[in-house]
Amino acid sequence: MTTRPRSSRRRPSRIFASPTHSVPAQEDHFRGEQISDYIAAIAAELQKLALSGRLTILAYLLDMARLEAENTARALRLTTPGADDSRKEG
């Protein structure tokens, strides 16, 4: 019986939030456009990281994810009554 060598890459034991973006607690409820905005912001940060590592295909895909998240948030704001209320309060 042969054993496979262990991978030198370790998986993180937990997910870390970006210092510039807070991850909502599980009990919090957020609207779709807020989630889309968060995904767009994180995708933009990840794209910069990918570009710094010369990972062009990954950077391209992350940019597509950012654009899709921004378009989704925009569409949800147009179709959801009172969606802009949270932005005006803060």
PDB file of N, CA and C in Angstrom:
ATOM      1  N   MET A   1       0.846  -1.173   0.000  1.00  0.00           N
ATOM      2  CA  MET A   1       0.000   0.000   0.000  1.00  0.00           C
ATOM      3  C   MET A   1       0.891   1.236   0.000  1.00  0.00           C
ATOM      4  N   THR A   2       0.636   2.122  -0.931  1.00  0.00           N
ATOM      5  CA  THR A   2       1.416   3.358  -0.999  1.00  0.00           C
ATOM      6  C   THR A   2       0.599   4.509  -0.449  1.00  0.00           C
ATOM      7  N   THR A   3       1.288   5.425   0.162  1.00  0.00           N
ATOM      8  CA  THR A   3       0.608   6.603   0.696  1.00  0.00           C
ATOM      9  C   THR A   3       0.994   7.811  -0.135  1.00  0.00           C
ATOM     10  N   ARG A   4       0.062   8.679  -0.299  1.00  0.00           N
ATOM     11  CA  ARG A   4       0.316   9.907  -1.039  1.00  0.00           C
ATOM     12  C   ARG A   4       1.044  10.888  -0.147  1.00  0.00           C
ATOM     13  N   PRO A   5       2.012  11.585  -0.703  1.00  0.00           N
ATOM     14  CA  PRO A   5       2.678  12.611   0.112  1.00  0.00           C
ATOM     15  C   PRO A   5       1.705  13.743   0.418  1.00  0.00           C
ATOM     16  N   ARG A   6       1.837  14.278   1.600  1.00  0.00           N
ATOM     17  CA  ARG A   6       0.972  15.388   1.997  1.00  0.00           C
ATOM     18  C   ARG A   6       1.322  16.637   1.210  1.00  0.00           C
ATOM     19  N   SER A   7       0.319  17.367   0.889  1.00  0.00           N
ATOM     20  CA  SER A   7       0.525  18.625   0.185  1.00  0.00           C
ATOM     21  C   SER A   7       1.187  19.630   1.121  1.00  0.00           C
ATOM     22  N   SER A   8       2.078  20.420   0.557  1.00  0.00           N
ATOM     23  CA  SER A   8       2.735  21.441   1.378  1.00  0.00           C
ATOM     24  C   SER A   8       1.822  22.635   1.622  1.00  0.00           C
ATOM     25  N   ARG A   9       0.733  22.721   0.868  1.00  0.00           N
ATOM     26  CA  ARG A   9      -0.206  23.822   1.038  1.00  0.00           C
ATOM     27  C   ARG A   9      -1.179  23.490   2.154  1.00  0.00           C
ATOM     28  N   ARG A  10      -1.307  24.412   3.076  1.00  0.00           N
ATOM     29  CA  ARG A  10      -2.256  24.233   4.172  1.00  0.00           C
ATOM     30  C   ARG A  10      -3.489  25.045   3.896  1.00  0.00           C
ATOM     31  N   ARG A  11      -4.614  24.472   4.178  1.00  0.00           N
ATOM     32  CA  ARG A  11      -5.871  25.197   4.035  1.00  0.00           C
ATOM     33  C   ARG A  11      -6.080  26.062   5.265  1.00  0.00           C
ATOM     34  N   PRO A  12      -6.594  27.275   5.065  1.00  0.00           N
ATOM     35  CA  PRO A  12      -6.847  28.105   6.246  1.00  0.00           C
ATOM     36  C   PRO A  12      -7.938  27.490   7.101  1.00  0.00           C
ATOM     37  N   SER A  13      -7.768  27.596   8.397  1.00  0.00           N
ATOM     38  CA  SER A  13      -8.753  27.010   9.298  1.00  0.00           C
ATOM     39  C   SER A  13     -10.027  27.844   9.368  1.00  0.00           C
ATOM     40  N   ARG A  14      -9.928  29.110   8.977  1.00  0.00           N
ATOM     41  CA  ARG A  14     -11.122  29.952   8.948  1.00  0.00           C
ATOM     42  C   ARG A  14     -10.922  31.049   7.915  1.00  0.00           C
ATOM     43  N   ILE A  15     -12.006  31.660   7.542  1.00  0.00           N
ATOM     44  CA  ILE A  15     -11.952  32.711   6.536  1.00  0.00           C
ATOM     45  C   ILE A  15     -11.729  34.046   7.234  1.00  0.00           C
ATOM     46  N   PHE A  16     -10.789  34.825   6.743  1.00  0.00           N
ATOM     47  CA  PHE A  16     -10.491  36.123   7.321  1.00  0.00           C
ATOM     48  C   PHE A  16     -11.142  37.219   6.486  1.00  0.00           C
ATOM     49  N   ALA A  17     -11.716  38.182   7.141  1.00  0.00           N
ATOM     50  CA  ALA A  17     -12.321  39.321   6.459  1.00  0.00           C
ATOM     51  C   ALA A  17     -11.244  40.328   6.121  1.00  0.00           C
ATOM     52  N   SER A  18     -11.472  41.034   5.042  1.00  0.00           N
ATOM     53  CA  SER A  18     -10.570  42.109   4.664  1.00  0.00           C
ATOM     54  C   SER A  18     -10.668  43.219   5.700  1.00  0.00           C
ATOM     55  N   PRO A  19      -9.563  43.876   6.029  1.00  0.00           N
ATOM     56  CA  PRO A  19      -9.641  44.952   7.020  1.00  0.00           C
ATOM     57  C   PRO A  19     -10.489  46.126   6.562  1.00  0.00           C
ATOM     58  N   THR A  20     -10.697  46.257   5.253  1.00  0.00           N
ATOM     59  CA  THR A  20     -11.487  47.383   4.755  1.00  0.00           C
ATOM     60  C   THR A  20     -12.965  47.031   4.582  1.00  0.00           C
ATOM     61  N   HIS A  21     -13.310  45.762   4.732  1.00  0.00           N
ATOM     62  CA  HIS A  21     -14.695  45.338   4.558  1.00  0.00           C
ATOM     63  C   HIS A  21     -15.083  44.422   5.702  1.00  0.00           C
ATOM     64  N   SER A  22     -16.175  44.733   6.349  1.00  0.00           N
ATOM     65  CA  SER A  22     -16.617  43.871   7.445  1.00  0.00           C
ATOM     66  C   SER A  22     -17.590  42.833   6.897  1.00  0.00           C
ATOM     67  N   VAL A  23     -17.462  41.635   7.399  1.00  0.00           N
ATOM     68  CA  VAL A  23     -18.357  40.559   7.007  1.00  0.00           C
ATOM     69  C   VAL A  23     -19.530  40.566   7.962  1.00  0.00           C
ATOM     70  N   PRO A  24     -20.758  40.585   7.439  1.00  0.00           N
ATOM     71  CA  PRO A  24     -21.915  40.625   8.327  1.00  0.00           C
ATOM     72  C   PRO A  24     -22.041  39.348   9.139  1.00  0.00           C
ATOM     73  N   ALA A  25     -22.539  39.502  10.357  1.00  0.00           N
ATOM     74  CA  ALA A  25     -22.777  38.341  11.213  1.00  0.00           C
ATOM     75  C   ALA A  25     -23.890  37.501  10.608  1.00  0.00           C
ATOM     76  N   GLN A  26     -23.941  36.239  10.955  1.00  0.00           N
ATOM     77  CA  GLN A  26     -24.917  35.337  10.361  1.00  0.00           C
ATOM     78  C   GLN A  26     -26.354  35.751  10.654  1.00  0.00           C
ATOM     79  N   GLU A  27     -26.593  36.342  11.798  1.00  0.00           N
ATOM     80  CA  GLU A  27     -27.972  36.688  12.133  1.00  0.00           C
ATOM     81  C   GLU A  27     -28.451  37.971  11.446  1.00  0.00           C
ATOM     82  N   ASP A  28     -27.524  38.727  10.854  1.00  0.00           N
ATOM     83  CA  ASP A  28     -27.908  39.943  10.145  1.00  0.00           C
ATOM     84  C   ASP A  28     -28.577  39.593   8.821  1.00  0.00           C
ATOM     85  N   HIS A  29     -29.504  40.434   8.430  1.00  0.00           N
ATOM     86  CA  HIS A  29     -30.194  40.223   7.158  1.00  0.00           C
ATOM     87  C   HIS A  29     -29.867  41.393   6.240  1.00  0.00           C
ATOM     88  N   PHE A  30     -29.407  41.075   5.057  1.00  0.00           N
ATOM     89  CA  PHE A  30     -29.020  42.107   4.110  1.00  0.00           C
ATOM     90  C   PHE A  30     -29.770  41.911   2.807  1.00  0.00           C
ATOM     91  N   ARG A  31     -30.006  43.005   2.148  1.00  0.00           N
ATOM     92  CA  ARG A  31     -30.666  42.955   0.855  1.00  0.00           C
ATOM     93  C   ARG A  31     -29.668  42.533  -0.214  1.00  0.00           C
ATOM     94  N   GLY A  32     -30.213  42.061  -1.319  1.00  0.00           N
ATOM     95  CA  GLY A  32     -29.389  41.569  -2.421  1.00  0.00           C
ATOM     96  C   GLY A  32     -28.404  42.592  -2.942  1.00  0.00           C
ATOM     97  N   GLU A  33     -28.816  43.865  -3.008  1.00  0.00           N
ATOM     98  CA  GLU A  33     -27.888  44.874  -3.550  1.00  0.00           C
ATOM     99  C   GLU A  33     -26.723  45.127  -2.598  1.00  0.00           C
ATOM    100  N   GLN A  34     -26.950  44.991  -1.295  1.00  0.00           N
ATOM    101  CA  GLN A  34     -25.857  45.149  -0.337  1.00  0.00           C
ATOM    102  C   GLN A  34     -24.853  44.005  -0.469  1.00  0.00           C
ATOM    103  N   ILE A  35     -25.358  42.810  -0.656  1.00  0.00           N
ATOM    104  CA  ILE A  35     -24.489  41.651  -0.846  1.00  0.00           C
ATOM    105  C   ILE A  35     -23.719  41.796  -2.152  1.00  0.00           C
ATOM    106  N   SER A  36     -24.392  42.243  -3.206  1.00  0.00           N
ATOM    107  CA  SER A  36     -23.726  42.440  -4.498  1.00  0.00           C
ATOM    108  C   SER A  36     -22.638  43.499  -4.399  1.00  0.00           C
ATOM    109  N   ASP A  37     -22.901  44.580  -3.678  1.00  0.00           N
ATOM    110  CA  ASP A  37     -21.879  45.615  -3.478  1.00  0.00           C
ATOM    111  C   ASP A  37     -20.662  45.052  -2.757  1.00  0.00           C
ATOM    112  N   TYR A  38     -20.896  44.232  -1.749  1.00  0.00           N
ATOM    113  CA  TYR A  38     -19.803  43.620  -0.982  1.00  0.00           C
ATOM    114  C   TYR A  38     -18.972  42.697  -1.881  1.00  0.00           C
ATOM    115  N   ILE A  39     -19.655  41.877  -2.665  1.00  0.00           N
ATOM    116  CA  ILE A  39     -18.950  40.968  -3.574  1.00  0.00           C
ATOM    117  C   ILE A  39     -18.128  41.752  -4.589  1.00  0.00           C
ATOM    118  N   ALA A  40     -18.683  42.860  -5.110  1.00  0.00           N
ATOM    119  CA  ALA A  40     -17.946  43.686  -6.071  1.00  0.00           C
ATOM    120  C   ALA A  40     -16.682  44.261  -5.439  1.00  0.00           C
ATOM    121  N   ALA A  41     -16.775  44.724  -4.208  1.00  0.00           N
ATOM    122  CA  ALA A  41     -15.615  45.303  -3.530  1.00  0.00           C
ATOM    123  C   ALA A  41     -14.531  44.257  -3.279  1.00  0.00           C
ATOM    124  N   ILE A  42     -14.934  43.088  -2.831  1.00  0.00           N
ATOM    125  CA  ILE A  42     -13.974  42.020  -2.560  1.00  0.00           C
ATOM    126  C   ILE A  42     -13.347  41.530  -3.861  1.00  0.00           C
ATOM    127  N   ALA A  43     -14.148  41.399  -4.910  1.00  0.00           N
ATOM    128  CA  ALA A  43     -13.610  40.956  -6.206  1.00  0.00           C
ATOM    129  C   ALA A  43     -12.582  41.950  -6.739  1.00  0.00           C
ATOM    130  N   ALA A  44     -12.821  43.248  -6.527  1.00  0.00           N
ATOM    131  CA  ALA A  44     -11.859  44.262  -6.972  1.00  0.00           C
ATOM    132  C   ALA A  44     -10.539  44.117  -6.224  1.00  0.00           C
ATOM    133  N   GLU A  45     -10.607  43.861  -4.923  1.00  0.00           N
ATOM    134  CA  GLU A  45      -9.378  43.664  -4.135  1.00  0.00           C
ATOM    135  C   GLU A  45      -8.641  42.409  -4.575  1.00  0.00           C
ATOM    136  N   LEU A  46      -9.392  41.341  -4.809  1.00  0.00           N
ATOM    137  CA  LEU A  46      -8.772  40.096  -5.254  1.00  0.00           C
ATOM    138  C   LEU A  46      -8.160  40.235  -6.641  1.00  0.00           C
ATOM    139  N   GLN A  47      -8.789  41.041  -7.498  1.00  0.00           N
ATOM    140  CA  GLN A  47      -8.235  41.270  -8.826  1.00  0.00           C
ATOM    141  C   GLN A  47      -6.868  41.956  -8.722  1.00  0.00           C
ATOM    142  N   LYS A  48      -6.769  42.948  -7.850  1.00  0.00           N
ATOM    143  CA  LYS A  48      -5.482  43.629  -7.652  1.00  0.00           C
ATOM    144  C   LYS A  48      -4.418  42.643  -7.177  1.00  0.00           C
ATOM    145  N   LEU A  49      -4.802  41.764  -6.275  1.00  0.00           N
ATOM    146  CA  LEU A  49      -3.877  40.756  -5.771  1.00  0.00           C
ATOM    147  C   LEU A  49      -3.435  39.820  -6.899  1.00  0.00           C
ATOM    148  N   ALA A  50      -4.390  39.386  -7.712  1.00  0.00           N
ATOM    149  CA  ALA A  50      -4.068  38.499  -8.826  1.00  0.00           C
ATOM    150  C   ALA A  50      -3.134  39.192  -9.819  1.00  0.00           C
ATOM    151  N   LEU A  51      -3.384  40.459 -10.097  1.00  0.00           N
ATOM    152  CA  LEU A  51      -2.521  41.198 -11.021  1.00  0.00           C
ATOM    153  C   LEU A  51      -1.112  41.345 -10.464  1.00  0.00           C
ATOM    154  N   SER A  52      -1.003  41.547  -9.159  1.00  0.00           N
ATOM    155  CA  SER A  52       0.323  41.689  -8.560  1.00  0.00           C
ATOM    156  C   SER A  52       1.118  40.388  -8.658  1.00  0.00           C
ATOM    157  N   GLY A  53       0.414  39.274  -8.735  1.00  0.00           N
ATOM    158  CA  GLY A  53       1.067  37.980  -8.898  1.00  0.00           C
ATOM    159  C   GLY A  53       1.139  37.531 -10.344  1.00  0.00           C
ATOM    160  N   ARG A  54       0.802  38.438 -11.253  1.00  0.00           N
ATOM    161  CA  ARG A  54       0.819  38.158 -12.703  1.00  0.00           C
ATOM    162  C   ARG A  54      -0.096  36.993 -13.086  1.00  0.00           C
ATOM    163  N   LEU A  55      -1.189  36.897 -12.388  1.00  0.00           N
ATOM    164  CA  LEU A  55      -2.193  35.863 -12.668  1.00  0.00           C
ATOM    165  C   LEU A  55      -3.286  36.487 -13.534  1.00  0.00           C
ATOM    166  N   THR A  56      -2.968  36.700 -14.799  1.00  0.00           N
ATOM    167  CA  THR A  56      -3.833  37.511 -15.667  1.00  0.00           C
ATOM    168  C   THR A  56      -5.201  36.892 -15.920  1.00  0.00           C
ATOM    169  N   ILE A  57      -5.259  35.592 -16.119  1.00  0.00           N
ATOM    170  CA  ILE A  57      -6.557  34.960 -16.372  1.00  0.00           C
ATOM    171  C   ILE A  57      -7.439  35.069 -15.133  1.00  0.00           C
ATOM    172  N   LEU A  58      -6.861  34.798 -13.984  1.00  0.00           N
ATOM    173  CA  LEU A  58      -7.616  34.915 -12.742  1.00  0.00           C
ATOM    174  C   LEU A  58      -8.058  36.355 -12.510  1.00  0.00           C
ATOM    175  N   ALA A  59      -7.187  37.315 -12.796  1.00  0.00           N
ATOM    176  CA  ALA A  59      -7.543  38.728 -12.659  1.00  0.00           C
ATOM    177  C   ALA A  59      -8.696  39.088 -13.586  1.00  0.00           C
ATOM    178  N   TYR A  60      -8.671  38.563 -14.793  1.00  0.00           N
ATOM    179  CA  TYR A  60      -9.751  38.808 -15.751  1.00  0.00           C
ATOM    180  C   TYR A  60     -11.075  38.255 -15.220  1.00  0.00           C
ATOM    181  N   LEU A  61     -11.046  37.030 -14.720  1.00  0.00           N
ATOM    182  CA  LEU A  61     -12.271  36.419 -14.198  1.00  0.00           C
ATOM    183  C   LEU A  61     -12.809  37.182 -12.990  1.00  0.00           C
ATOM    184  N   LEU A  62     -11.915  37.646 -12.134  1.00  0.00           N
ATOM    185  CA  LEU A  62     -12.338  38.438 -10.981  1.00  0.00           C
ATOM    186  C   LEU A  62     -12.934  39.774 -11.418  1.00  0.00           C
ATOM    187  N   ASP A  63     -12.397  40.352 -12.473  1.00  0.00           N
ATOM    188  CA  ASP A  63     -12.968  41.589 -13.001  1.00  0.00           C
ATOM    189  C   ASP A  63     -14.369  41.344 -13.556  1.00  0.00           C
ATOM    190  N   MET A  64     -14.558  40.212 -14.207  1.00  0.00           N
ATOM    191  CA  MET A  64     -15.893  39.863 -14.712  1.00  0.00           C
ATOM    192  C   MET A  64     -16.872  39.673 -13.547  1.00  0.00           C
ATOM    193  N   ALA A  65     -16.404  39.049 -12.475  1.00  0.00           N
ATOM    194  CA  ALA A  65     -17.254  38.874 -11.290  1.00  0.00           C
ATOM    195  C   ALA A  65     -17.614  40.231 -10.685  1.00  0.00           C
ATOM    196  N   ARG A  66     -16.641  41.147 -10.646  1.00  0.00           N
ATOM    197  CA  ARG A  66     -16.894  42.492 -10.119  1.00  0.00           C
ATOM    198  C   ARG A  66     -17.945  43.210 -10.952  1.00  0.00           C
ATOM    199  N   LEU A  67     -17.775  43.160 -12.270  1.00  0.00           N
ATOM    200  CA  LEU A  67     -18.734  43.822 -13.156  1.00  0.00           C
ATOM    201  C   LEU A  67     -20.131  43.228 -13.011  1.00  0.00           C
ATOM    202  N   GLU A  68     -20.215  41.918 -12.917  1.00  0.00           N
ATOM    203  CA  GLU A  68     -21.513  41.266 -12.753  1.00  0.00           C
ATOM    204  C   GLU A  68     -22.161  41.655 -11.428  1.00  0.00           C
ATOM    205  N   ALA A  69     -21.379  41.712 -10.367  1.00  0.00           N
ATOM    206  CA  ALA A  69     -21.917  42.101  -9.059  1.00  0.00           C
ATOM    207  C   ALA A  69     -22.398  43.548  -9.086  1.00  0.00           C
ATOM    208  N   GLU A  70     -21.628  44.436  -9.720  1.00  0.00           N
ATOM    209  CA  GLU A  70     -22.048  45.842  -9.826  1.00  0.00           C
ATOM    210  C   GLU A  70     -23.327  45.971 -10.635  1.00  0.00           C
ATOM    211  N   ASN A  71     -23.422  45.254 -11.746  1.00  0.00           N
ATOM    212  CA  ASN A  71     -24.635  45.299 -12.571  1.00  0.00           C
ATOM    213  C   ASN A  71     -25.835  44.728 -11.835  1.00  0.00           C
ATOM    214  N   THR A  72     -25.614  43.667 -11.076  1.00  0.00           N
ATOM    215  CA  THR A  72     -26.696  43.067 -10.297  1.00  0.00           C
ATOM    216  C   THR A  72     -27.191  44.042  -9.226  1.00  0.00           C
ATOM    217  N   ALA A  73     -26.266  44.679  -8.527  1.00  0.00           N
ATOM    218  CA  ALA A  73     -26.652  45.645  -7.495  1.00  0.00           C
ATOM    219  C   ALA A  73     -27.433  46.801  -8.117  1.00  0.00           C
ATOM    220  N   ARG A  74     -26.959  47.289  -9.258  1.00  0.00           N
ATOM    221  CA  ARG A  74     -27.634  48.396  -9.944  1.00  0.00           C
ATOM    222  C   ARG A  74     -29.052  47.987 -10.350  1.00  0.00           C
ATOM    223  N   ALA A  75     -29.197  46.802 -10.918  1.00  0.00           N
ATOM    224  CA  ALA A  75     -30.515  46.322 -11.346  1.00  0.00           C
ATOM    225  C   ALA A  75     -31.437  46.141 -10.145  1.00  0.00           C
ATOM    226  N   LEU A  76     -30.911  45.624  -9.046  1.00  0.00           N
ATOM    227  CA  LEU A  76     -31.736  45.440  -7.852  1.00  0.00           C
ATOM    228  C   LEU A  76     -32.183  46.778  -7.275  1.00  0.00           C
ATOM    229  N   ARG A  77     -31.318  47.785  -7.335  1.00  0.00           N
ATOM    230  CA  ARG A  77     -31.707  49.114  -6.835  1.00  0.00           C
ATOM    231  C   ARG A  77     -32.833  49.713  -7.667  1.00  0.00           C
ATOM    232  N   LEU A  78     -32.805  49.434  -8.966  1.00  0.00           N
ATOM    233  CA  LEU A  78     -33.838  49.986  -9.843  1.00  0.00           C
ATOM    234  C   LEU A  78     -35.181  49.289  -9.657  1.00  0.00           C
ATOM    235  N   THR A  79     -35.145  48.014  -9.265  1.00  0.00           N
ATOM    236  CA  THR A  79     -36.389  47.252  -9.152  1.00  0.00           C
ATOM    237  C   THR A  79     -36.896  47.100  -7.731  1.00  0.00           C
ATOM    238  N   THR A  80     -36.074  47.447  -6.730  1.00  0.00           N
ATOM    239  CA  THR A  80     -36.468  47.286  -5.333  1.00  0.00           C
ATOM    240  C   THR A  80     -36.891  48.626  -4.758  1.00  0.00           C
ATOM    241  N   PRO A  81     -38.158  48.765  -4.336  1.00  0.00           N
ATOM    242  CA  PRO A  81     -38.577  50.029  -3.743  1.00  0.00           C
ATOM    243  C   PRO A  81     -37.840  50.300  -2.432  1.00  0.00           C
ATOM    244  N   GLY A  82     -37.353  51.525  -2.271  1.00  0.00           N
ATOM    245  CA  GLY A  82     -36.659  51.924  -1.053  1.00  0.00           C
ATOM    246  C   GLY A  82     -35.267  51.374  -0.923  1.00  0.00           C
ATOM    247  N   ALA A  83     -34.684  50.875  -2.007  1.00  0.00           N
ATOM    248  CA  ALA A  83     -33.354  50.265  -1.931  1.00  0.00           C
ATOM    249  C   ALA A  83     -32.274  51.283  -1.617  1.00  0.00           C
ATOM    250  N   ASP A  84     -32.453  52.534  -2.009  1.00  0.00           N
ATOM    251  CA  ASP A  84     -31.432  53.550  -1.771  1.00  0.00           C
ATOM    252  C   ASP A  84     -31.531  54.168  -0.383  1.00  0.00           C
ATOM    253  N   ASP A  85     -32.546  53.801   0.399  1.00  0.00           N
ATOM    254  CA  ASP A  85     -32.732  54.386   1.732  1.00  0.00           C
ATOM    255  C   ASP A  85     -31.530  54.193   2.639  1.00  0.00           C
ATOM    256  N   SER A  86     -30.925  53.005   2.598  1.00  0.00           N
ATOM    257  CA  SER A  86     -29.801  52.715   3.505  1.00  0.00           C
ATOM    258  C   SER A  86     -28.587  53.569   3.172  1.00  0.00           C
ATOM    259  N   ARG A  87     -28.383  53.926   1.915  1.00  0.00           N
ATOM    260  CA  ARG A  87     -27.262  54.762   1.520  1.00  0.00           C
ATOM    261  C   ARG A  87     -27.447  56.203   1.981  1.00  0.00           C
ATOM    262  N   LYS A  88     -28.693  56.668   1.991  1.00  0.00           N
ATOM    263  CA  LYS A  88     -28.955  58.052   2.388  1.00  0.00           C
ATOM    264  C   LYS A  88     -28.787  58.254   3.894  1.00  0.00           C
ATOM    265  N   GLU A  89     -29.090  57.196   4.679  1.00  0.00           N
ATOM    266  CA  GLU A  89     -29.006  57.318   6.132  1.00  0.00           C
ATOM    267  C   GLU A  89     -27.575  57.401   6.617  1.00  0.00           C
ATOM    268  N   GLY A  90     -26.645  56.636   5.979  1.00  0.00           N
ATOM    269  CA  GLY A  90     -25.273  56.539   6.449  1.00  0.00           C
ATOM    270  C   GLY A  90     -24.479  57.686   6.055  1.00  0.00           C
TER     271      GLY A  90
END
